[in-house]
Amino acid sequence: MKCRLFLFVLLCLGLAFTAQATAAEVTTIPAATNGAPFRIGVLYWSMNIPGQVAMRQGLEAEAARINRAAGKSGARGVQLLAEVAGDGAAGVERQIAQMHAMVSRKPDVIVVQPTDNAALAEPLKAANRAGIPVVAYDQYISGGTLAAYVTSDNRMAGYLGGEYLASLFPKTRNLKLVLVEYPLVSSTVERLNGFLDGLRDQGAQYTVLKTYKAVEPVAGRLAGEAILREFPRVGSIDAIFSVNDGGGLAVVDALDKAGRNEIIVASIDGDPDSVANIRARRLTRIDAAQFCGPLGAEALRAAYAVARKQRVPRQILVPVFPITRETLARYPGWLGPIPASFDKPWPSRIPIWQGQARGRQ
């Protein structure tokens, strides 16, 4: 599937599932013949970030697959009870209310993509008290007990950017770095920590000039404008690391329009626009891509197993793919399939990229 066609599908989904929805949205899937389907509450974060839309697409495609199989075997299928929080501080508050409301509906399992690590601790504890298992995906929840946590290997995503960036500069050079981060969710914190670890493991010297907070396009545009205003001289920045493409692409656009193409950007997510930027050598040189569709599917598989009282790993890590000009031909896109392992064409303490999901208790 070509990237532009895929983006069109994502945009259509975004229109269909508006990020400002507050009323419960019920996805009814035909019941299996052997009992009523498991009721699974699903709390999405944003429908404005394309990678998150793709996660939803993967999750709901897996629900359809489960129900097709259940229809043939006579097993119980699934019924999804979906809510969308939306972006920003309002989205965080909305998701807190949505999760409390979902607990009161007593589904068999709740699947949630948290908008904030700490904010959902109390509703998670409410679910624990009600005996409703919760599966979190993409982000963690600090407080309470999760039945399973499904996420991309976020530390590795940052690490790949750090080690690759280090390979582009002499070891004797002190790199002038700007960080575009988001300290409110576990995944982006892990990405930043991994990036710095990757630089250090390759012996890179660096100075962090400034950090900005952005994880979606509006904040990314503001960050890009601030970077240009505060670092107007060409050569004043060597590289920028962005914890995701949701904000990072807007930073790249601002810098490109200002002619600051001497800056090298490392980002994470695998947005098709970032892939196009790498192909065109437009600032971005590496983007560690999530397999968004497989991530969403893995979250629903875990929830279905929990609903059936099956044992699941406490944490499931989905691999991330380092997209560079050297590896572009191997990258299949957000929906996968996940490629086979290969030797990295740059120096690394972990010379083989591994394409297997990992579970751990």
Protein backbone atom coordinates (compact mmCIF):
# COMPACT_ATOMS: atom_id res chain seq x y z
CA MET A 1 0.00 0.00 0.00
CA LYS A 2 1.43 3.35 -0.95
CA CYS A 3 2.04 5.91 1.79
CA ARG A 4 -0.30 8.54 0.37
CA LEU A 5 -3.17 6.09 0.04
CA PHE A 6 -2.57 5.00 3.61
CA LEU A 7 -2.60 8.62 4.83
CA PHE A 8 -5.89 9.14 3.03
CA VAL A 9 -7.35 6.16 4.90
CA LEU A 10 -6.04 7.57 8.18
CA LEU A 11 -7.56 10.98 7.49
CA CYS A 12 -10.89 9.36 6.75
CA LEU A 13 -10.72 7.49 10.02
CA GLY A 14 -9.82 10.72 11.81
CA LEU A 15 -12.94 12.37 10.41
CA ALA A 16 -15.09 9.42 11.36
CA PHE A 17 -13.79 9.27 14.92
CA THR A 18 -13.40 12.89 16.01
CA ALA A 19 -10.97 13.56 18.82
CA GLN A 20 -13.50 15.73 20.59
CA ALA A 21 -16.10 12.99 21.01
CA THR A 22 -17.33 12.67 24.56
CA ALA A 23 -20.30 10.31 24.33
CA ALA A 24 -19.66 6.56 24.40
CA GLU A 25 -19.20 5.12 20.94
CA VAL A 26 -20.16 1.45 20.71
CA THR A 27 -18.63 -0.76 18.06
CA THR A 28 -21.03 -3.68 17.84
CA ILE A 29 -19.57 -6.85 16.41
CA PRO A 30 -21.77 -9.90 15.84
CA ALA A 31 -21.93 -12.22 18.84
CA ALA A 32 -20.47 -15.67 18.56
CA THR A 33 -22.74 -18.67 18.81
CA ASN A 34 -21.32 -19.89 22.15
CA GLY A 35 -22.42 -17.11 24.51
CA ALA A 36 -22.42 -13.32 24.39
CA PRO A 37 -19.25 -11.58 23.20
CA PHE A 38 -16.78 -10.23 25.75
CA ARG A 39 -17.43 -6.52 26.30
CA ILE A 40 -14.13 -4.66 25.98
CA GLY A 41 -13.99 -0.95 26.81
CA VAL A 42 -11.43 0.85 24.63
CA LEU A 43 -10.19 4.34 25.58
CA TYR A 44 -8.27 5.97 22.74
CA TRP A 45 -6.11 9.07 23.13
CA SER A 46 -6.01 11.15 19.93
CA MET A 47 -7.44 10.89 16.45
CA ASN A 48 -5.27 13.84 15.29
CA ILE A 49 -1.94 11.96 15.53
CA PRO A 50 -1.76 9.63 12.49
CA GLY A 51 0.28 6.94 14.29
CA GLN A 52 -2.42 6.67 16.95
CA VAL A 53 -5.09 6.42 14.28
CA ALA A 54 -3.11 3.52 12.79
CA MET A 55 -2.99 1.86 16.23
CA ARG A 56 -6.77 2.08 16.38
CA GLN A 57 -6.98 0.64 12.89
CA GLY A 58 -4.81 -2.31 13.93
CA LEU A 59 -6.80 -2.87 17.13
CA GLU A 60 -10.16 -2.87 15.38
CA ALA A 61 -8.88 -5.05 12.53
CA GLU A 62 -7.80 -7.58 15.15
CA ALA A 63 -11.29 -7.43 16.71
CA ALA A 64 -12.77 -8.23 13.32
CA ARG A 65 -10.32 -11.12 12.86
CA ILE A 66 -11.17 -12.52 16.32
CA ASN A 67 -14.88 -12.39 15.53
CA ARG A 68 -14.46 -14.08 12.18
CA ALA A 69 -12.57 -16.90 13.89
CA ALA A 70 -15.13 -17.03 16.73
CA GLY A 71 -17.97 -17.27 14.23
CA LYS A 72 -16.36 -20.35 12.69
CA SER A 73 -15.39 -22.06 15.94
CA GLY A 74 -18.37 -21.14 18.12
CA ALA A 75 -16.14 -19.33 20.63
CA ARG A 76 -17.05 -16.02 22.26
CA GLY A 77 -16.11 -12.97 20.26
CA VAL A 78 -15.62 -9.35 21.32
CA GLN A 79 -17.71 -6.17 21.41
CA LEU A 80 -15.77 -2.90 21.60
CA LEU A 81 -17.07 0.03 23.65
CA ALA A 82 -14.97 2.93 22.34
CA GLU A 83 -14.23 6.45 23.62
CA VAL A 84 -11.82 9.11 22.31
CA ALA A 85 -10.21 11.55 24.78
CA GLY A 86 -8.76 14.19 22.43
CA ASP A 87 -5.62 16.30 22.69
CA GLY A 88 -4.10 18.56 25.30
CA ALA A 89 -5.07 19.17 28.91
CA ALA A 90 -8.77 18.89 28.05
CA GLY A 91 -8.13 15.42 26.65
CA VAL A 92 -6.43 14.32 29.86
CA GLU A 93 -9.39 15.45 31.96
CA ARG A 94 -11.86 13.91 29.54
CA GLN A 95 -10.11 10.54 29.64
CA ILE A 96 -10.16 10.48 33.45
CA ALA A 97 -13.93 10.92 33.33
CA GLN A 98 -14.27 8.40 30.50
CA MET A 99 -12.38 5.73 32.42
CA HIS A 100 -14.44 6.24 35.60
CA ALA A 101 -17.59 5.99 33.48
CA MET A 102 -16.28 2.85 31.79
CA VAL A 103 -15.64 1.20 35.16
CA SER A 104 -19.28 1.86 36.08
CA ARG A 105 -20.35 0.02 32.88
CA LYS A 106 -18.52 -3.11 34.11
CA PRO A 107 -16.96 -4.41 30.89
CA ASP A 108 -14.98 -7.65 30.94
CA VAL A 109 -11.71 -5.79 30.20
CA ILE A 110 -10.67 -2.18 29.66
CA VAL A 111 -8.02 -1.31 27.06
CA VAL A 112 -6.59 2.20 27.37
CA GLN A 113 -4.02 4.37 25.62
CA PRO A 114 -3.25 6.79 28.46
CA THR A 115 -3.02 10.52 27.80
CA ASP A 116 -0.94 11.00 30.97
CA ASN A 117 1.09 8.57 33.11
CA ALA A 118 -0.11 9.80 36.48
CA ALA A 119 -3.58 11.17 35.73
CA LEU A 120 -5.18 7.75 35.23
CA ALA A 121 -3.82 6.23 38.45
CA GLU A 122 -7.05 6.79 40.38
CA PRO A 123 -9.42 5.41 37.71
CA LEU A 124 -7.06 2.42 37.31
CA LYS A 125 -7.32 1.80 41.04
CA ALA A 126 -11.11 2.08 40.73
CA ALA A 127 -11.02 -0.61 38.03
CA ASN A 128 -8.82 -2.76 40.30
CA ARG A 129 -11.34 -2.42 43.13
CA ALA A 130 -14.17 -3.39 40.78
CA GLY A 131 -12.25 -6.47 39.60
CA ILE A 132 -12.02 -5.21 35.99
CA PRO A 133 -8.64 -6.03 34.38
CA VAL A 134 -6.97 -3.19 32.48
CA VAL A 135 -4.58 -3.47 29.54
CA ALA A 136 -2.62 -0.29 28.73
CA TYR A 137 -0.96 0.21 25.37
CA ASP A 138 1.57 2.72 24.07
CA GLN A 139 1.88 4.46 27.49
CA TYR A 140 2.10 3.17 31.05
CA ILE A 141 0.00 4.17 34.07
CA SER A 142 1.90 5.04 37.25
CA GLY A 143 -0.23 3.65 40.08
CA GLY A 144 -2.62 0.74 40.32
CA THR A 145 -2.15 -2.68 38.71
CA LEU A 146 -2.25 -3.47 35.00
CA ALA A 147 -3.11 -6.92 33.66
CA ALA A 148 -0.74 -6.23 30.75
CA TYR A 149 1.20 -3.37 29.19
CA VAL A 150 1.77 -3.41 25.40
CA THR A 151 4.13 -0.86 23.91
CA SER A 152 6.73 -0.23 21.26
CA ASP A 153 10.30 -0.72 22.42
CA ASN A 154 10.53 3.00 23.15
CA ARG A 155 13.96 3.00 24.76
CA MET A 156 15.33 1.20 21.68
CA ALA A 157 13.61 3.73 19.40
CA GLY A 158 15.58 6.54 21.04
CA TYR A 159 18.74 4.45 21.23
CA LEU A 160 18.70 3.81 17.47
CA GLY A 161 18.49 7.57 16.84
CA GLY A 162 21.35 8.29 19.22
CA GLU A 163 23.77 5.73 17.83
CA TYR A 164 22.98 6.64 14.22
CA LEU A 165 23.34 10.37 14.88
CA ALA A 166 26.71 9.72 16.54
CA SER A 167 27.90 7.96 13.37
CA LEU A 168 27.34 11.13 11.33
CA PHE A 169 29.81 13.30 13.29
CA PRO A 170 33.48 12.95 14.29
CA LYS A 171 33.89 11.68 17.86
CA THR A 172 36.03 14.74 18.64
CA ARG A 173 33.15 17.11 17.91
CA ASN A 174 31.01 18.43 20.75
CA LEU A 175 27.50 18.21 19.29
CA LYS A 176 25.17 21.14 19.83
CA LEU A 177 21.79 19.51 20.51
CA VAL A 178 18.21 20.70 20.87
CA LEU A 179 15.65 18.30 22.35
CA VAL A 180 11.93 18.33 21.57
CA GLU A 181 10.50 16.20 24.38
CA TYR A 182 7.29 15.42 26.27
CA PRO A 183 7.83 14.43 29.92
CA LEU A 184 4.20 13.54 30.74
CA VAL A 185 4.03 9.98 29.38
CA SER A 186 6.34 7.01 29.88
CA SER A 187 6.94 6.27 26.20
CA THR A 188 8.43 9.67 25.38
CA VAL A 189 10.55 9.69 28.55
CA GLU A 190 11.94 6.27 27.60
CA ARG A 191 12.68 7.51 24.07
CA LEU A 192 14.67 10.47 25.33
CA ASN A 193 16.62 8.34 27.80
CA GLY A 194 17.38 5.81 25.07
CA PHE A 195 18.58 8.55 22.71
CA LEU A 196 21.06 9.90 25.24
CA ASP A 197 22.22 6.35 26.04
CA GLY A 198 22.80 5.70 22.34
CA LEU A 199 24.97 8.82 22.03
CA ARG A 200 26.99 7.89 25.12
CA ASP A 201 27.52 4.28 24.06
CA GLN A 202 29.10 5.54 20.83
CA GLY A 203 31.38 7.92 22.74
CA ALA A 204 29.69 11.06 21.39
CA GLN A 205 30.28 14.36 23.16
CA TYR A 206 27.34 16.73 23.27
CA THR A 207 25.83 19.83 24.87
CA VAL A 208 22.05 20.22 25.18
CA LEU A 209 21.40 23.83 24.21
CA LYS A 210 17.69 23.84 25.11
CA THR A 211 14.64 21.62 25.41
CA TYR A 212 11.11 22.28 24.11
CA LYS A 213 7.89 20.41 24.84
CA ALA A 214 5.86 19.19 21.86
CA VAL A 215 4.07 15.99 20.91
CA GLU A 216 1.43 17.22 18.44
CA PRO A 217 1.41 19.64 15.46
CA VAL A 218 0.37 22.87 17.18
CA ALA A 219 3.01 22.59 19.90
CA GLY A 220 5.53 21.45 17.26
CA ARG A 221 4.92 24.55 15.17
CA LEU A 222 5.40 26.77 18.22
CA ALA A 223 8.60 24.91 19.10
CA GLY A 224 9.92 25.34 15.56
CA GLU A 225 9.24 29.08 15.66
CA ALA A 226 10.95 29.37 19.05
CA ILE A 227 14.02 27.47 17.82
CA LEU A 228 14.39 29.83 14.87
CA ARG A 229 13.92 32.87 17.08
CA GLU A 230 16.37 31.73 19.78
CA PHE A 231 19.00 30.16 17.48
CA PRO A 232 18.92 32.36 14.35
CA ARG A 233 22.53 31.80 13.26
CA VAL A 234 23.28 29.05 10.75
CA GLY A 235 25.50 26.45 12.43
CA SER A 236 24.33 27.30 15.94
CA ILE A 237 22.60 23.88 16.16
CA ASP A 238 24.05 20.60 14.91
CA ALA A 239 21.12 18.28 15.54
CA ILE A 240 17.61 18.05 16.95
CA PHE A 241 16.03 15.00 18.55
CA SER A 242 12.23 14.86 18.61
CA VAL A 243 10.44 12.24 20.69
CA ASN A 244 7.75 11.80 18.04
CA ASP A 245 6.64 12.85 14.57
CA GLY A 246 3.42 14.36 15.91
CA GLY A 247 5.40 17.41 17.01
CA GLY A 248 8.66 16.78 15.16
CA LEU A 249 7.28 17.11 11.64
CA ALA A 250 6.06 20.63 12.37
CA VAL A 251 9.53 21.50 13.68
CA VAL A 252 11.09 20.16 10.46
CA ASP A 253 8.63 22.16 8.34
CA ALA A 254 9.45 25.39 10.17
CA LEU A 255 13.19 24.88 9.85
CA ASP A 256 12.97 23.86 6.21
CA LYS A 257 10.93 26.94 5.28
CA ALA A 258 13.58 29.09 6.98
CA GLY A 259 16.36 27.41 4.97
CA ARG A 260 17.98 25.77 8.01
CA ASN A 261 18.74 22.54 6.21
CA GLU A 262 22.17 22.27 7.84
CA ILE A 263 20.43 20.86 10.95
CA ILE A 264 20.17 17.07 11.24
CA VAL A 265 16.98 15.69 12.80
CA ALA A 266 16.38 12.33 14.48
CA SER A 267 12.75 11.49 15.24
CA ILE A 268 10.45 8.60 16.13
CA ASP A 269 7.17 7.13 14.85
CA GLY A 270 7.58 6.40 11.12
CA ASP A 271 5.07 8.93 9.80
CA PRO A 272 5.03 8.70 5.98
CA ASP A 273 5.99 12.39 5.77
CA SER A 274 9.13 11.66 7.79
CA VAL A 275 9.91 8.77 5.47
CA ALA A 276 9.58 11.16 2.53
CA ASN A 277 11.87 13.66 4.28
CA ILE A 278 14.54 10.97 4.75
CA ARG A 279 14.29 9.98 1.11
CA ALA A 280 14.67 13.64 0.05
CA ARG A 281 17.41 14.44 2.64
CA ARG A 282 15.14 17.11 4.09
CA LEU A 283 16.64 17.51 7.59
CA THR A 284 15.41 14.16 8.95
CA ARG A 285 18.11 11.48 8.72
CA ILE A 286 16.66 8.75 10.93
CA ASP A 287 13.17 7.96 12.13
CA ALA A 288 12.65 4.96 14.41
CA ALA A 289 9.27 3.69 13.22
CA GLN A 290 6.64 2.07 15.35
CA PHE A 291 4.65 -0.77 13.86
CA CYS A 292 1.43 0.97 14.84
CA GLY A 293 -1.04 -1.51 13.39
CA PRO A 294 0.66 -4.55 14.99
CA LEU A 295 0.88 -2.63 18.29
CA GLY A 296 -2.87 -2.02 18.38
CA ALA A 297 -3.53 -5.62 17.37
CA GLU A 298 -1.22 -6.91 20.10
CA ALA A 299 -3.09 -4.85 22.70
CA LEU A 300 -6.43 -6.38 21.75
CA ARG A 301 -4.95 -9.90 21.60
CA ALA A 302 -3.69 -9.40 25.16
CA ALA A 303 -7.11 -8.13 26.29
CA TYR A 304 -8.89 -11.07 24.65
CA ALA A 305 -6.53 -13.50 26.37
CA VAL A 306 -7.14 -11.78 29.73
CA ALA A 307 -10.91 -11.96 29.18
CA ARG A 308 -10.55 -15.72 28.60
CA LYS A 309 -8.49 -16.08 31.81
CA GLN A 310 -5.35 -16.99 29.88
CA ARG A 311 -1.87 -16.12 31.07
CA VAL A 312 -0.27 -13.12 29.33
CA PRO A 313 3.11 -11.41 29.85
CA ARG A 314 2.98 -8.35 32.10
CA GLN A 315 4.83 -6.38 29.41
CA ILE A 316 4.97 -6.91 25.65
CA LEU A 317 7.52 -4.93 23.63
CA VAL A 318 6.85 -4.51 19.90
CA PRO A 319 10.05 -3.83 17.89
CA VAL A 320 10.78 -0.47 16.23
CA PHE A 321 12.45 -0.04 12.84
CA PRO A 322 15.33 2.39 12.13
CA ILE A 323 14.41 4.12 8.86
CA THR A 324 17.46 5.67 7.18
CA ARG A 325 18.46 6.00 3.54
CA GLU A 326 20.39 2.75 4.00
CA THR A 327 17.37 0.79 5.31
CA LEU A 328 14.44 2.36 3.41
CA ALA A 329 14.03 -0.62 1.10
CA ARG A 330 13.43 -2.92 4.09
CA TYR A 331 10.70 -0.81 5.73
CA PRO A 332 7.13 -2.03 5.01
CA GLY A 333 5.18 0.81 6.64
CA TRP A 334 3.12 1.25 9.80
CA LEU A 335 0.90 -1.77 9.18
CA GLY A 336 3.83 -4.18 8.82
CA PRO A 337 4.54 -7.01 8.52
CA ILE A 338 7.55 -6.74 10.82
CA PRO A 339 10.67 -7.50 8.72
CA ALA A 340 13.29 -10.16 9.38
CA SER A 341 16.41 -9.30 11.40
CA PHE A 342 19.38 -7.69 9.63
CA ASP A 343 22.88 -6.29 10.25
CA LYS A 344 22.89 -2.55 10.91
CA PRO A 345 24.98 -0.59 8.36
CA TRP A 346 26.42 1.73 11.05
CA PRO A 347 28.52 1.23 14.20
CA SER A 348 26.55 -0.22 17.10
CA ARG A 349 27.02 -2.14 20.32
CA ILE A 350 23.96 -4.11 19.20
CA PRO A 351 24.95 -4.83 15.58
CA ILE A 352 21.87 -6.89 14.59
CA TRP A 353 18.40 -5.37 14.41
CA GLN A 354 15.93 -7.86 15.87
CA GLY A 355 12.40 -8.08 14.49
CA GLN A 356 10.66 -10.10 17.21
CA ALA A 357 8.22 -8.91 19.86
CA ARG A 358 9.37 -9.64 23.41
CA GLY A 359 7.25 -10.48 26.42
CA ARG A 360 8.36 -10.31 30.04
CA GLN A 361 6.73 -10.73 33.42
